Amino acid sequence: MSRRCELTGIGPMVGNNNSHANNKTRRRYLPNLNDVTLQSETLNRGIKLRITAKALRSVDHRGGLDAYLAKAKDTELSANALKVKKEIAKAQVATA
C-alpha cells in the first residue's frame, strides 16, 4: 500500500534531521494518512479512502465528497477516487 493521499496526491517528502551540533542526516516526512469512509450524497453509500488529515478538512470545507471531487483535478486523484468521481457525475446526469 503506497503512502500517498488518494485525493490530493501528497506523498512522502525528504529533508534533514538537524542535531544540536548542526550534523545533518537525511530523513523522510510521511503524510498523516487515515483510513476513512466518506458518504456520497449522490450515490447514497460510503466510499472507503486513504487520505491525509488535511484532505479530510478540505472535504468538509467544500461541503462533502461530491463537491470536493467535482472541483478536484483528475491528475491528482487516485484510480479509485477517479472511478468514484465518474460514478457521481454519471448519477448526477441521470437524475437531472
C-alpha atoms as a PDB file:
ATOM      1  CA  MET A   1       0.000   0.000   0.000  1.00  0.00           C
ATOM      2  CA  SER A   2       1.545   3.291  -1.048  1.00  0.00           C
ATOM      3  CA  ARG A   3       1.917   6.213   1.328  1.00  0.00           C
ATOM      4  CA  ARG A   4       0.040   8.606  -0.931  1.00  0.00           C
ATOM      5  CA  CYS A   5      -3.214  10.509  -0.361  1.00  0.00           C
ATOM      6  CA  GLU A   6      -5.946   9.337  -2.747  1.00  0.00           C
ATOM      7  CA  LEU A   7      -7.472  12.818  -3.092  1.00  0.00           C
ATOM      8  CA  THR A   8      -4.552  15.262  -3.030  1.00  0.00           C
ATOM      9  CA  GLY A   9      -1.719  13.034  -4.233  1.00  0.00           C
ATOM     10  CA  ILE A  10       0.558  14.099  -1.367  1.00  0.00           C
ATOM     11  CA  GLY A  11       3.318  11.550  -0.682  1.00  0.00           C
ATOM     12  CA  PRO A  12       6.466  11.301   1.421  1.00  0.00           C
ATOM     13  CA  MET A  13       8.840  14.270   1.376  1.00  0.00           C
ATOM     14  CA  VAL A  14      12.541  14.329   2.225  1.00  0.00           C
ATOM     15  CA  GLY A  15      14.617  16.653   4.366  1.00  0.00           C
ATOM     16  CA  ASN A  16      17.269  16.699   7.051  1.00  0.00           C
ATOM     17  CA  ASN A  17      17.451  15.934  10.744  1.00  0.00           C
ATOM     18  CA  ASN A  18      19.454  18.745  12.272  1.00  0.00           C
ATOM     19  CA  SER A  19      21.218  17.981  15.550  1.00  0.00           C
ATOM     20  CA  HIS A  20      22.309  20.457  18.217  1.00  0.00           C
ATOM     21  CA  ALA A  21      25.853  20.117  16.806  1.00  0.00           C
ATOM     22  CA  ASN A  22      24.422  21.002  13.371  1.00  0.00           C
ATOM     23  CA  ASN A  23      25.015  17.490  11.976  1.00  0.00           C
ATOM     24  CA  LYS A  24      22.628  16.790   9.131  1.00  0.00           C
ATOM     25  CA  THR A  25      21.231  13.352   8.281  1.00  0.00           C
ATOM     26  CA  ARG A  26      18.591  12.591   5.678  1.00  0.00           C
ATOM     27  CA  ARG A  27      15.066  11.733   6.789  1.00  0.00           C
ATOM     28  CA  ARG A  28      11.579  11.231   5.332  1.00  0.00           C
ATOM     29  CA  TYR A  29       8.478  13.186   6.267  1.00  0.00           C
ATOM     30  CA  LEU A  30       5.496  10.836   5.916  1.00  0.00           C
ATOM     31  CA  PRO A  31       1.972  12.204   5.329  1.00  0.00           C
ATOM     32  CA  ASN A  32      -0.650  11.858   8.074  1.00  0.00           C
ATOM     33  CA  LEU A  33      -2.787   9.206   6.330  1.00  0.00           C
ATOM     34  CA  ASN A  34      -6.092   7.975   7.730  1.00  0.00           C
ATOM     35  CA  ASP A  35      -8.466   5.266   6.546  1.00  0.00           C
ATOM     36  CA  VAL A  36     -11.893   6.919   6.349  1.00  0.00           C
ATOM     37  CA  THR A  37     -15.313   6.180   4.916  1.00  0.00           C
ATOM     38  CA  LEU A  38     -16.846   9.256   3.300  1.00  0.00           C
ATOM     39  CA  GLN A  39     -20.549   9.404   2.464  1.00  0.00           C
ATOM     40  CA  SER A  40     -21.577  10.319  -1.061  1.00  0.00           C
ATOM     41  CA  GLU A  41     -24.949  12.091  -1.142  1.00  0.00           C
ATOM     42  CA  THR A  42     -25.458  11.331  -4.834  1.00  0.00           C
ATOM     43  CA  LEU A  43     -24.603   7.616  -4.644  1.00  0.00           C
ATOM     44  CA  ASN A  44     -26.189   7.107  -1.192  1.00  0.00           C
ATOM     45  CA  ARG A  45     -23.304   4.961   0.032  1.00  0.00           C
ATOM     46  CA  GLY A  46     -19.977   5.251   1.786  1.00  0.00           C
ATOM     47  CA  ILE A  47     -16.645   5.220  -0.049  1.00  0.00           C
ATOM     48  CA  LYS A  48     -13.518   3.963   1.701  1.00  0.00           C
ATOM     49  CA  LEU A  49     -10.447   6.111   1.027  1.00  0.00           C
ATOM     50  CA  ARG A  50      -6.967   6.577   2.478  1.00  0.00           C
ATOM     51  CA  ILE A  51      -6.489  10.328   2.751  1.00  0.00           C
ATOM     52  CA  THR A  52      -4.483  12.851   4.755  1.00  0.00           C
ATOM     53  CA  ALA A  53      -5.951  14.776   7.667  1.00  0.00           C
ATOM     54  CA  LYS A  54      -5.559  17.974   5.614  1.00  0.00           C
ATOM     55  CA  ALA A  55      -7.597  16.467   2.758  1.00  0.00           C
ATOM     56  CA  LEU A  56     -10.317  15.444   5.230  1.00  0.00           C
ATOM     57  CA  ARG A  57     -10.581  19.068   6.412  1.00  0.00           C
ATOM     58  CA  SER A  58     -10.715  20.208   2.765  1.00  0.00           C
ATOM     59  CA  VAL A  59     -13.575  17.786   2.025  1.00  0.00           C
ATOM     60  CA  ASP A  60     -15.529  19.191   4.995  1.00  0.00           C
ATOM     61  CA  HIS A  61     -14.765  22.768   3.927  1.00  0.00           C
ATOM     62  CA  ARG A  62     -16.007  22.245   0.358  1.00  0.00           C
ATOM     63  CA  GLY A  63     -19.261  20.674   1.524  1.00  0.00           C
ATOM     64  CA  GLY A  64     -18.732  16.931   1.210  1.00  0.00           C
ATOM     65  CA  LEU A  65     -17.140  14.346  -1.024  1.00  0.00           C
ATOM     66  CA  ASP A  66     -19.303  15.092  -4.068  1.00  0.00           C
ATOM     67  CA  ALA A  67     -18.419  18.799  -4.099  1.00  0.00           C
ATOM     68  CA  TYR A  68     -14.730  18.076  -3.478  1.00  0.00           C
ATOM     69  CA  LEU A  69     -14.445  15.593  -6.343  1.00  0.00           C
ATOM     70  CA  ALA A  70     -16.323  17.908  -8.727  1.00  0.00           C
ATOM     71  CA  LYS A  71     -13.593  20.560  -8.320  1.00  0.00           C
ATOM     72  CA  ALA A  72     -10.599  18.206  -7.997  1.00  0.00           C
ATOM     73  CA  LYS A  73      -8.084  17.790 -10.821  1.00  0.00           C
ATOM     74  CA  ASP A  74      -8.062  14.329 -12.395  1.00  0.00           C
ATOM     75  CA  THR A  75      -4.241  14.202 -12.336  1.00  0.00           C
ATOM     76  CA  GLU A  76      -4.137  14.408  -8.518  1.00  0.00           C
ATOM     77  CA  LEU A  77      -6.765  11.736  -7.878  1.00  0.00           C
ATOM     78  CA  SER A  78      -6.006   8.041  -7.487  1.00  0.00           C
ATOM     79  CA  ALA A  79      -7.590   5.468  -9.782  1.00  0.00           C
ATOM     80  CA  ASN A  80     -10.158   4.595  -7.112  1.00  0.00           C
ATOM     81  CA  ALA A  81     -11.103   8.238  -6.481  1.00  0.00           C
ATOM     82  CA  LEU A  82     -11.300   8.927 -10.226  1.00  0.00           C
ATOM     83  CA  LYS A  83     -13.698   5.993 -10.640  1.00  0.00           C
ATOM     84  CA  VAL A  84     -15.906   7.369  -7.842  1.00  0.00           C
ATOM     85  CA  LYS A  85     -15.815  10.846  -9.429  1.00  0.00           C
ATOM     86  CA  LYS A  86     -17.064   9.429 -12.735  1.00  0.00           C
ATOM     87  CA  GLU A  87     -19.812   7.440 -10.977  1.00  0.00           C
ATOM     88  CA  ILE A  88     -21.002  10.582  -9.193  1.00  0.00           C
ATOM     89  CA  ALA A  89     -21.005  12.615 -12.415  1.00  0.00           C
ATOM     90  CA  LYS A  90     -22.937   9.856 -14.206  1.00  0.00           C
ATOM     91  CA  ALA A  91     -25.509   9.660 -11.390  1.00  0.00           C
ATOM     92  CA  GLN A  92     -25.961  13.452 -11.358  1.00  0.00           C
ATOM     93  CA  VAL A  93     -26.614  13.478 -15.115  1.00  0.00           C
ATOM     94  CA  ALA A  94     -29.125  10.643 -14.760  1.00  0.00           C
ATOM     95  CA  THR A  95     -31.112  12.446 -12.050  1.00  0.00           C
ATOM     96  CA  ALA A  96     -31.126  15.791 -13.899  1.00  0.00           C
END
